[in-house]
Amino acid sequence: MAIKVRQRPGFVARAVKWVLNTPVGREVAAELAGPADDDVFFGGNASPFYPDRYDYDRDTVLSECLRAWRVNPIARNIVRIITAFVVGKGITLSSKHKATHKFLQDWWNHRLNNIGGQLRDWMDEMTRAGNMFFLCSVDPYTGMTYVRAVAADAIRDIQTAEGDVMQEAYFIPKDHQIPPWPAYNPQEEQTHFMLHYSVNRPVGAKWGEPDLAPMLPWIGRLSSLLEDRARLNRFRNAFLFVVSKIWKSEAEKKARQKELLANPPAPGSVLVKDEAETWEVLSPKLDSYDAQQDILAIKKFVAAGVVFPLHWLAEPESSTRTTAEAAGTPTFRTMEQVQLAFVSMLIDLARVASEVRSRFDKKVKPTAEIVAQKPDITERDNGSLALAANRVWPVVMDLFDRKMVNAEEALKLIYRMIAEPFEPVMNLLEAIRIDPRYKKGDATPADPSEPESNPRPEDPKEE
């Protein structure tokens, strides 16, 4: 029969147990055992919330993205940076058609719309939710469309045409007292309707997905790691005296302990002890550099997810300007795509408002082209384009002088270097005014690459 011998806990175990029974120890234990809900998103794993291609646990994903934006500074900063690049100082719409342009300005700046003042909120919501729903109400007397953004988590389902998820028919709200909102139908005169725009939308799915969602578990891990370090480092300078001695009795040990607790040795004081006593200092051994590489690795993972250079997340990985500029190219390309999607949403929203208005005002042309004036993603492009134009200008003019290219081809090359669209009619009319080789008064300029069939009599070569 085996006899189990209960071993007495070692010195370290007894010391830790004694420390945890002190007021400081109880505070440490309470800190370490405290809830960390603000630092954990999706329970640390988002995969269970995406069971298949066509749907996902939207309520959980949207609520977690909103909570992260509210409580986590990294999530808030990611959303703020994206909005700052996409919206910048503002976006405006215009049209060459005079009546349509006037209506667009009235609609855009209407007191009940104030679309320019809502752009940043809309872009924030698009990043957090991946879906934008606009409930539009039409004034039955003027045809003015009033736009109100509806939170994505207020929509329970989207009803579409059978076999075609792109033909949205109705939007079912979560509030059962509210009837379904119909989708916009250009063939009907509707007093109210809803428009839906999305990003990160898998093929065949009805819903888009937030840009912020994939990063939330790792943002939470980074926050938890930093919080743990902060809470532990709070006590890194704490220490305790451990007094060892062969005591004659338990009463003697407790009496000595009571004496020391009543008069603990102050820093810089002189301590006189019995030679039988051994004094030791017990303190936590916390080295801050232990977690440096882990924190950097998680930051890199989050930065890669949002395609941000690492120094945008307050981590200057490199001090060289060349490295920083090279790291910005993928970011700027991504920002351009995000801006293009957002601007396309605004243009489509304006086009719908123009179509509705055209039923009341025939001067408004619903098919008129609508152009968005948006901010540059990066100012660095301006300098590069200016340099490119300055370098290509002498070459193009030399080709033009040698009649190897005509005026239109030369202008196309110049405009291509400055990344601007080329409009042949306007630019050629300007070229007629400034280029002496064009015949004055001609509506269509002659091609300089071809010899003139009828030379001018005042040409010196003909005299």
Protein backbone atom coordinates (compact mmCIF):
# COMPACT_ATOMS: atom_id res chain seq x y z
CA MET A 1 0.00 0.00 0.00
CA ALA A 2 1.52 3.29 -1.12
CA ILE A 3 1.62 6.03 1.44
CA LYS A 4 1.22 9.57 0.11
CA VAL A 5 3.44 12.04 1.87
CA ARG A 6 2.19 15.61 1.74
CA GLN A 7 5.17 17.82 0.97
CA ARG A 8 5.47 21.16 2.65
CA PRO A 9 5.34 24.09 0.18
CA GLY A 10 8.71 25.57 -0.67
CA PHE A 11 9.97 28.95 0.41
CA VAL A 12 8.99 30.70 -2.84
CA ALA A 13 5.45 29.29 -2.75
CA ARG A 14 5.00 30.29 0.86
CA ALA A 15 6.42 33.76 0.17
CA VAL A 16 4.07 34.31 -2.79
CA LYS A 17 1.09 33.13 -0.73
CA TRP A 18 2.06 35.47 2.07
CA VAL A 19 2.52 38.37 -0.36
CA LEU A 20 -0.93 37.82 -1.85
CA ASN A 21 -2.44 38.00 1.62
CA THR A 22 -1.05 41.50 2.18
CA PRO A 23 -3.05 44.63 1.15
CA VAL A 24 -0.70 45.24 -1.78
CA GLY A 25 -0.93 41.61 -2.82
CA ARG A 26 -4.70 41.64 -2.74
CA GLU A 27 -4.68 44.78 -4.92
CA VAL A 28 -2.38 43.07 -7.42
CA ALA A 29 -4.59 40.00 -7.52
CA ALA A 30 -7.68 42.14 -8.05
CA GLU A 31 -5.98 44.02 -10.90
CA LEU A 32 -4.87 40.82 -12.62
CA ALA A 33 -8.26 39.17 -12.17
CA GLY A 34 -10.17 42.24 -13.35
CA PRO A 35 -12.37 42.06 -16.45
CA ALA A 36 -10.73 42.82 -19.79
CA ASP A 37 -13.87 42.98 -21.92
CA ASP A 38 -12.79 46.22 -23.56
CA ASP A 39 -9.69 44.53 -24.94
CA VAL A 40 -11.27 41.33 -26.30
CA PHE A 41 -13.27 41.43 -29.53
CA PHE A 42 -15.14 38.41 -30.91
CA GLY A 43 -13.82 36.49 -27.90
CA GLY A 44 -10.38 36.58 -29.53
CA ASN A 45 -11.51 34.65 -32.63
CA ALA A 46 -13.75 35.96 -35.41
CA SER A 47 -14.02 32.77 -37.49
CA PRO A 48 -17.22 31.42 -35.84
CA PHE A 49 -19.07 34.56 -36.92
CA TYR A 50 -18.45 33.88 -40.64
CA PRO A 51 -20.04 30.47 -41.27
CA ASP A 52 -20.38 30.76 -45.06
CA ARG A 53 -20.00 33.04 -48.07
CA TYR A 54 -23.49 34.44 -48.22
CA ASP A 55 -24.09 35.61 -44.69
CA TYR A 56 -22.38 36.28 -41.36
CA ASP A 57 -23.33 37.18 -37.81
CA ARG A 58 -23.89 40.81 -38.66
CA ASP A 59 -25.25 41.83 -35.27
CA THR A 60 -22.11 40.66 -33.48
CA VAL A 61 -19.68 41.93 -36.10
CA LEU A 62 -21.27 45.37 -36.35
CA SER A 63 -21.60 45.79 -32.58
CA GLU A 64 -17.98 44.74 -32.02
CA CYS A 65 -16.73 47.16 -34.69
CA LEU A 66 -18.71 50.01 -33.13
CA ARG A 67 -17.50 49.09 -29.63
CA ALA A 68 -13.89 48.94 -30.78
CA TRP A 69 -14.22 52.36 -32.41
CA ARG A 70 -15.61 53.73 -29.15
CA VAL A 71 -13.18 52.25 -26.62
CA ASN A 72 -10.00 51.36 -28.50
CA PRO A 73 -7.69 54.19 -29.60
CA ILE A 74 -6.08 52.11 -32.36
CA ALA A 75 -9.44 51.29 -33.95
CA ARG A 76 -10.52 54.93 -33.64
CA ASN A 77 -7.27 56.11 -35.24
CA ILE A 78 -7.59 53.68 -38.17
CA VAL A 79 -11.09 54.94 -38.97
CA ARG A 80 -10.02 58.56 -38.56
CA ILE A 81 -7.02 58.20 -40.89
CA ILE A 82 -9.08 56.56 -43.65
CA THR A 83 -11.70 59.31 -43.44
CA ALA A 84 -9.03 62.02 -43.42
CA PHE A 85 -7.55 60.72 -46.68
CA VAL A 86 -10.83 59.96 -48.47
CA VAL A 87 -12.83 63.07 -47.50
CA GLY A 88 -10.00 65.48 -46.70
CA LYS A 89 -11.23 69.08 -46.70
CA GLY A 90 -14.41 68.06 -48.49
CA ILE A 91 -15.96 66.69 -51.68
CA THR A 92 -18.21 68.59 -54.06
CA LEU A 93 -20.27 67.65 -57.11
CA SER A 94 -20.85 69.60 -60.30
CA SER A 95 -22.29 69.22 -63.78
CA LYS A 96 -21.73 71.04 -67.05
CA HIS A 97 -25.47 71.11 -67.60
CA LYS A 98 -26.51 74.44 -66.10
CA ALA A 99 -29.93 73.51 -64.72
CA THR A 100 -28.70 70.20 -63.38
CA HIS A 101 -25.71 71.87 -61.75
CA LYS A 102 -27.95 74.42 -60.02
CA PHE A 103 -30.19 71.69 -58.65
CA LEU A 104 -27.20 69.69 -57.41
CA GLN A 105 -25.94 72.67 -55.45
CA ASP A 106 -29.39 73.30 -53.97
CA TRP A 107 -29.81 69.64 -53.06
CA TRP A 108 -26.28 69.30 -51.67
CA ASN A 109 -26.47 72.43 -49.49
CA HIS A 110 -30.12 72.20 -48.48
CA ARG A 111 -30.58 72.78 -44.78
CA LEU A 112 -32.33 69.43 -44.33
CA ASN A 113 -29.59 67.58 -46.22
CA ASN A 114 -26.28 69.32 -45.47
CA ILE A 115 -24.53 66.50 -47.26
CA GLY A 116 -21.12 68.16 -47.14
CA GLY A 117 -21.31 68.23 -43.35
CA GLN A 118 -22.20 64.53 -43.14
CA LEU A 119 -19.47 63.12 -45.38
CA ARG A 120 -17.07 62.33 -42.54
CA ASP A 121 -19.76 60.54 -40.56
CA TRP A 122 -20.74 58.53 -43.63
CA MET A 123 -17.15 57.53 -44.32
CA ASP A 124 -16.64 56.49 -40.71
CA GLU A 125 -19.77 54.36 -40.89
CA MET A 126 -18.68 52.77 -44.16
CA THR A 127 -15.40 51.69 -42.55
CA ARG A 128 -17.11 50.39 -39.42
CA ALA A 129 -20.06 48.67 -41.09
CA GLY A 130 -19.19 48.05 -44.75
CA ASN A 131 -22.77 49.05 -45.68
CA MET A 132 -24.53 52.38 -46.12
CA PHE A 133 -28.32 52.66 -46.19
CA PHE A 134 -29.97 55.93 -47.21
CA LEU A 135 -33.65 56.51 -46.58
CA CYS A 136 -34.80 59.12 -49.11
CA SER A 137 -37.99 61.16 -48.77
CA VAL A 138 -39.36 63.13 -51.73
CA ASP A 139 -41.16 66.46 -51.39
CA PRO A 140 -44.39 65.95 -53.41
CA TYR A 141 -44.48 69.63 -54.42
CA THR A 142 -40.88 70.42 -55.38
CA GLY A 143 -39.33 67.02 -56.02
CA MET A 144 -36.49 67.73 -53.59
CA THR A 145 -34.99 64.54 -52.16
CA TYR A 146 -34.06 64.51 -48.48
CA VAL A 147 -31.43 61.95 -47.49
CA ARG A 148 -31.08 60.26 -44.10
CA ALA A 149 -28.43 57.65 -43.34
CA VAL A 150 -29.75 54.57 -41.51
CA ALA A 151 -27.47 52.45 -39.34
CA ALA A 152 -26.68 49.06 -40.85
CA ASP A 153 -27.56 47.27 -37.62
CA ALA A 154 -31.12 48.65 -37.89
CA ILE A 155 -31.74 46.51 -41.02
CA ARG A 156 -32.73 42.91 -40.40
CA ASP A 157 -32.75 41.63 -43.97
CA ILE A 158 -32.62 42.61 -47.63
CA GLN A 159 -35.19 41.14 -50.00
CA THR A 160 -34.01 40.80 -53.58
CA ALA A 161 -35.36 39.54 -56.86
CA GLU A 162 -35.34 35.79 -57.18
CA GLY A 163 -31.96 34.60 -58.41
CA ASP A 164 -30.43 38.10 -58.52
CA VAL A 165 -29.01 39.61 -55.33
CA MET A 166 -28.16 42.84 -57.17
CA GLN A 167 -31.84 43.69 -57.71
CA GLU A 168 -32.84 44.80 -54.25
CA ALA A 169 -36.60 45.07 -53.66
CA TYR A 170 -37.24 45.72 -49.96
CA PHE A 171 -35.28 46.42 -46.81
CA ILE A 172 -36.73 44.86 -43.66
CA PRO A 173 -36.10 46.89 -40.48
CA LYS A 174 -35.58 45.23 -37.11
CA ASP A 175 -38.38 47.29 -35.63
CA HIS A 176 -41.50 45.26 -36.42
CA GLN A 177 -43.68 48.36 -36.12
CA ILE A 178 -41.96 49.91 -39.15
CA PRO A 179 -43.08 48.59 -42.55
CA PRO A 180 -40.43 47.45 -45.05
CA TRP A 181 -38.73 50.22 -47.00
CA PRO A 182 -38.92 49.79 -50.79
CA ALA A 183 -35.81 50.03 -52.91
CA TYR A 184 -35.52 52.79 -55.49
CA ASN A 185 -37.45 52.10 -58.67
CA PRO A 186 -36.94 54.66 -61.48
CA GLN A 187 -40.12 53.45 -63.17
CA GLU A 188 -42.32 54.49 -60.27
CA GLU A 189 -43.10 57.78 -58.56
CA GLN A 190 -42.13 57.03 -54.95
CA THR A 191 -42.57 59.29 -51.95
CA HIS A 192 -39.87 57.41 -50.07
CA PHE A 193 -37.34 54.72 -50.92
CA MET A 194 -34.05 53.31 -49.71
CA LEU A 195 -30.63 53.04 -51.39
CA HIS A 196 -27.95 50.57 -50.37
CA TYR A 197 -24.20 50.76 -51.02
CA SER A 198 -21.58 48.33 -49.81
CA VAL A 199 -17.87 47.53 -49.86
CA ASN A 200 -15.98 44.26 -49.37
CA ARG A 201 -18.96 42.39 -50.78
CA PRO A 202 -18.34 38.75 -51.73
CA VAL A 203 -19.82 37.68 -55.05
CA GLY A 204 -23.32 36.41 -54.49
CA ALA A 205 -23.74 38.08 -51.09
CA LYS A 206 -26.27 40.77 -50.22
CA TRP A 207 -24.18 42.49 -47.56
CA GLY A 208 -20.80 44.13 -47.51
CA GLU A 209 -18.28 43.62 -44.71
CA PRO A 210 -16.45 46.16 -42.53
CA ASP A 211 -12.83 47.05 -43.23
CA LEU A 212 -12.26 47.10 -39.47
CA ALA A 213 -13.57 43.62 -38.66
CA PRO A 214 -10.54 41.43 -39.58
CA MET A 215 -8.21 43.51 -37.41
CA LEU A 216 -10.33 43.52 -34.26
CA PRO A 217 -9.01 40.27 -32.68
CA TRP A 218 -5.44 41.44 -33.14
CA ILE A 219 -6.18 44.96 -31.97
CA GLY A 220 -7.69 43.35 -28.89
CA ARG A 221 -4.63 41.16 -28.33
CA LEU A 222 -2.35 44.17 -28.63
CA SER A 223 -4.45 46.15 -26.16
CA SER A 224 -4.57 43.22 -23.73
CA LEU A 225 -0.82 42.81 -23.92
CA LEU A 226 -0.22 46.50 -23.28
CA GLU A 227 -2.72 46.57 -20.44
CA ASP A 228 -1.15 43.55 -18.78
CA ARG A 229 2.26 45.18 -19.02
CA ALA A 230 0.95 48.44 -17.62
CA ARG A 231 -0.76 46.73 -14.69
CA LEU A 232 2.29 44.62 -13.87
CA ASN A 233 4.73 47.49 -14.26
CA ARG A 234 2.69 49.43 -11.78
CA PHE A 235 4.06 47.09 -9.14
CA ARG A 236 7.50 46.48 -10.62
CA ASN A 237 9.09 48.79 -8.04
CA ALA A 238 7.17 47.30 -5.14
CA PHE A 239 9.19 45.18 -2.73
CA LEU A 240 8.82 43.34 0.55
CA PHE A 241 11.24 42.51 3.35
CA VAL A 242 11.57 38.85 4.21
CA VAL A 243 13.03 38.29 7.69
CA SER A 244 14.31 34.80 8.43
CA LYS A 245 15.30 33.46 11.81
CA ILE A 246 15.07 30.35 13.89
CA TRP A 247 12.25 31.39 16.15
CA LYS A 248 11.77 29.89 19.59
CA SER A 249 8.02 29.93 19.24
CA GLU A 250 5.22 31.06 16.98
CA ALA A 251 4.38 33.82 19.43
CA GLU A 252 7.89 35.26 19.17
CA LYS A 253 7.69 35.31 15.36
CA LYS A 254 4.31 37.08 15.39
CA ALA A 255 5.53 39.60 17.93
CA ARG A 256 8.56 40.44 15.77
CA GLN A 257 6.37 40.72 12.70
CA LYS A 258 3.99 43.06 14.52
CA GLU A 259 6.91 45.19 15.63
CA LEU A 260 8.30 45.53 12.09
CA LEU A 261 4.89 46.30 10.61
CA ALA A 262 4.40 49.05 13.17
CA ASN A 263 7.82 50.55 12.44
CA PRO A 264 8.92 49.58 8.93
CA PRO A 265 12.43 50.68 7.98
CA ALA A 266 12.37 53.93 6.03
CA PRO A 267 14.59 54.46 2.96
CA GLY A 268 18.02 55.72 4.01
CA SER A 269 17.57 54.69 7.62
CA VAL A 270 20.06 52.59 9.63
CA LEU A 271 18.83 49.14 10.52
CA VAL A 272 20.35 47.30 13.46
CA LYS A 273 19.46 43.61 13.59
CA ASP A 274 20.37 40.54 15.50
CA GLU A 275 23.00 38.35 13.92
CA ALA A 276 20.53 35.51 13.93
CA GLU A 277 18.20 37.42 11.61
CA THR A 278 18.56 37.31 7.84
CA TRP A 279 16.96 40.11 5.83
CA GLU A 280 16.08 39.67 2.14
CA VAL A 281 14.16 41.80 -0.30
CA LEU A 282 11.45 40.19 -2.41
CA SER A 283 10.55 42.14 -5.59
CA PRO A 284 9.12 41.25 -9.01
CA LYS A 285 11.60 40.88 -11.84
CA LEU A 286 9.91 42.60 -14.78
CA ASP A 287 11.99 43.61 -17.80
CA SER A 288 10.15 45.89 -20.21
CA TYR A 289 12.10 44.68 -23.23
CA ASP A 290 10.66 41.18 -22.88
CA ALA A 291 7.45 42.15 -24.70
CA GLN A 292 8.94 44.59 -27.20
CA GLN A 293 9.19 42.13 -30.07
CA ASP A 294 5.74 40.71 -29.40
CA ILE A 295 4.17 44.17 -29.41
CA LEU A 296 6.00 45.09 -32.62
CA ALA A 297 4.91 41.85 -34.32
CA ILE A 298 1.23 42.45 -33.50
CA LYS A 299 1.49 46.07 -34.66
CA LYS A 300 2.96 44.88 -37.96
CA PHE A 301 0.09 42.43 -38.35
CA VAL A 302 -2.53 45.15 -37.73
CA ALA A 303 -0.71 47.59 -40.05
CA ALA A 304 -0.60 44.98 -42.81
CA GLY A 305 -4.33 44.39 -42.42
CA VAL A 306 -5.21 48.04 -43.04
CA VAL A 307 -2.29 48.58 -45.46
CA PHE A 308 -0.80 51.33 -43.28
CA PRO A 309 2.90 52.08 -42.96
CA LEU A 310 4.06 51.10 -39.50
CA HIS A 311 4.93 54.66 -38.56
CA TRP A 312 1.26 55.59 -38.94
CA LEU A 313 0.64 53.45 -35.85
CA ALA A 314 3.25 55.35 -33.80
CA GLU A 315 5.98 52.81 -34.53
CA PRO A 316 8.87 54.43 -36.47
CA GLU A 317 10.34 51.23 -37.88
CA SER A 318 12.90 53.09 -39.98
CA SER A 319 14.31 56.58 -39.75
CA THR A 320 15.12 56.89 -43.45
CA ARG A 321 12.88 59.02 -45.64
CA THR A 322 13.30 56.71 -48.63
CA THR A 323 11.91 53.73 -46.74
CA ALA A 324 8.98 55.77 -45.45
CA GLU A 325 8.10 57.03 -48.95
CA ALA A 326 8.37 53.55 -50.47
CA ALA A 327 6.10 52.15 -47.76
CA GLY A 328 3.42 54.70 -48.63
CA THR A 329 2.76 53.56 -52.22
CA PRO A 330 0.50 50.54 -51.39
CA THR A 331 -1.33 52.67 -48.85
CA PHE A 332 -2.04 55.46 -51.32
CA ARG A 333 -3.25 53.00 -53.95
CA THR A 334 -5.61 51.44 -51.42
CA MET A 335 -6.85 54.85 -50.32
CA GLU A 336 -7.53 55.76 -53.94
CA GLN A 337 -9.74 52.68 -54.32
CA VAL A 338 -11.61 53.50 -51.12
CA GLN A 339 -12.08 57.09 -52.26
CA LEU A 340 -13.29 55.95 -55.70
CA ALA A 341 -15.95 53.73 -54.08
CA PHE A 342 -17.09 56.53 -51.78
CA VAL A 343 -17.23 59.12 -54.56
CA SER A 344 -19.12 56.70 -56.82
CA MET A 345 -21.69 56.33 -54.04
CA LEU A 346 -22.15 60.10 -53.84
CA ILE A 347 -22.47 60.46 -57.61
CA ASP A 348 -25.08 57.72 -57.77
CA LEU A 349 -26.97 59.31 -54.89
CA ALA A 350 -26.94 62.65 -56.75
CA ARG A 351 -28.04 61.01 -59.97
CA VAL A 352 -31.05 59.45 -58.24
CA ALA A 353 -31.96 62.86 -56.77
CA SER A 354 -31.67 64.39 -60.27
CA GLU A 355 -33.91 61.72 -61.77
CA VAL A 356 -36.57 62.41 -59.15
CA ARG A 357 -36.30 66.17 -59.66
CA SER A 358 -36.56 65.86 -63.45
CA ARG A 359 -40.16 64.68 -63.04
CA PHE A 360 -41.02 68.08 -61.54
CA ASP A 361 -38.54 70.27 -63.41
CA LYS A 362 -37.98 69.36 -67.05
CA LYS A 363 -34.92 71.61 -67.19
CA VAL A 364 -33.01 69.13 -65.04
CA LYS A 365 -31.33 66.52 -67.21
CA PRO A 366 -31.02 63.19 -65.36
CA THR A 367 -28.49 61.83 -67.85
CA ALA A 368 -26.16 64.83 -67.50
CA GLU A 369 -22.64 63.94 -66.44
CA ILE A 370 -21.92 64.51 -62.75
CA VAL A 371 -18.32 65.09 -61.74
CA ALA A 372 -16.86 64.97 -58.24
CA GLN A 373 -14.14 67.32 -57.06
CA LYS A 374 -12.23 65.31 -54.48
CA PRO A 375 -9.02 65.92 -52.52
CA ASP A 376 -5.68 64.46 -53.55
CA ILE A 377 -4.74 61.36 -51.64
CA THR A 378 -1.16 62.54 -51.35
CA GLU A 379 0.53 65.83 -52.07
CA ARG A 380 3.63 63.97 -53.17
CA ASP A 381 1.95 63.22 -56.51
CA ASN A 382 1.67 66.93 -57.28
CA GLY A 383 5.43 67.39 -57.11
CA SER A 384 6.07 64.24 -59.15
CA LEU A 385 3.56 65.25 -61.83
CA ALA A 386 4.96 68.77 -62.03
CA LEU A 387 8.45 67.36 -62.46
CA ALA A 388 7.24 64.94 -65.14
CA ALA A 389 5.49 67.73 -67.06
CA ASN A 390 8.57 69.95 -66.85
CA ARG A 391 10.77 67.20 -68.25
CA VAL A 392 8.47 66.06 -71.04
CA TRP A 393 7.54 69.55 -72.22
CA PRO A 394 10.77 70.26 -74.21
CA VAL A 395 10.63 66.82 -75.82
CA VAL A 396 7.00 67.16 -76.89
CA MET A 397 7.52 70.69 -78.21
CA ASP A 398 10.54 69.55 -80.17
CA LEU A 399 8.45 66.79 -81.78
CA PHE A 400 5.73 69.31 -82.51
CA ASP A 401 8.17 71.76 -84.10
CA ARG A 402 9.49 68.99 -86.32
CA LYS A 403 5.87 68.19 -87.32
CA MET A 404 6.21 64.64 -85.99
CA VAL A 405 3.06 65.05 -83.85
CA ASN A 406 0.08 67.35 -84.25
CA ALA A 407 -1.38 69.64 -81.60
CA GLU A 408 -3.85 67.09 -80.28
CA GLU A 409 -1.22 64.40 -79.86
CA ALA A 410 1.12 66.84 -78.13
CA LEU A 411 -1.58 67.93 -75.71
CA LYS A 412 -2.50 64.32 -74.97
CA LEU A 413 1.10 63.59 -74.01
CA ILE A 414 1.29 66.64 -71.75
CA TYR A 415 -2.01 65.84 -70.06
CA ARG A 416 -0.97 62.25 -69.58
CA MET A 417 2.14 63.38 -67.71
CA ILE A 418 0.08 65.49 -65.28
CA ALA A 419 -2.55 62.73 -64.86
CA GLU A 420 -5.43 64.91 -66.01
CA PRO A 421 -8.22 63.99 -68.45
CA PHE A 422 -7.85 65.37 -71.95
CA GLU A 423 -10.80 67.17 -73.50
CA PRO A 424 -10.11 67.66 -77.22
CA VAL A 425 -12.61 70.39 -78.11
CA MET A 426 -11.78 72.90 -75.40
CA ASN A 427 -8.05 72.36 -75.59
CA LEU A 428 -7.87 72.60 -79.36
CA LEU A 429 -9.82 75.87 -79.32
CA GLU A 430 -7.29 77.25 -76.85
CA ALA A 431 -4.46 76.00 -79.04
CA ILE A 432 -5.94 77.85 -82.03
CA ARG A 433 -5.68 81.13 -80.17
CA ILE A 434 -2.06 80.73 -79.10
CA ASP A 435 -0.50 78.75 -81.93
CA PRO A 436 0.43 81.01 -84.90
CA ARG A 437 0.66 78.01 -87.24
CA TYR A 438 -3.12 77.64 -87.18
CA LYS A 439 -5.12 79.62 -89.69
CA LYS A 440 -6.96 82.46 -88.02
CA GLY A 441 -10.71 82.19 -88.17
CA ASP A 442 -10.79 78.48 -88.99
CA ALA A 443 -13.09 76.48 -86.73
CA THR A 444 -11.02 73.34 -87.23
CA PRO A 445 -7.24 73.67 -87.05
CA ALA A 446 -5.11 72.39 -89.88
CA ASP A 447 -2.84 69.45 -89.16
CA PRO A 448 0.72 70.82 -88.84
CA SER A 449 2.12 67.44 -89.87
CA GLU A 450 0.74 67.89 -93.40
CA PRO A 451 2.07 70.49 -95.88
CA GLU A 452 -0.25 73.28 -96.81
CA SER A 453 -1.87 72.82 -100.23
CA ASN A 454 -2.41 76.55 -100.72
CA PRO A 455 0.51 78.52 -99.29
CA ARG A 456 -0.21 82.01 -98.11
CA PRO A 457 0.99 84.70 -100.54
CA GLU A 458 2.53 86.60 -97.67
CA ASP A 459 4.78 83.65 -96.93
CA PRO A 460 8.37 84.92 -97.39
CA LYS A 461 9.36 81.66 -99.05
CA GLU A 462 6.88 82.27 -101.89
CA GLU A 463 8.03 85.81 -102.69
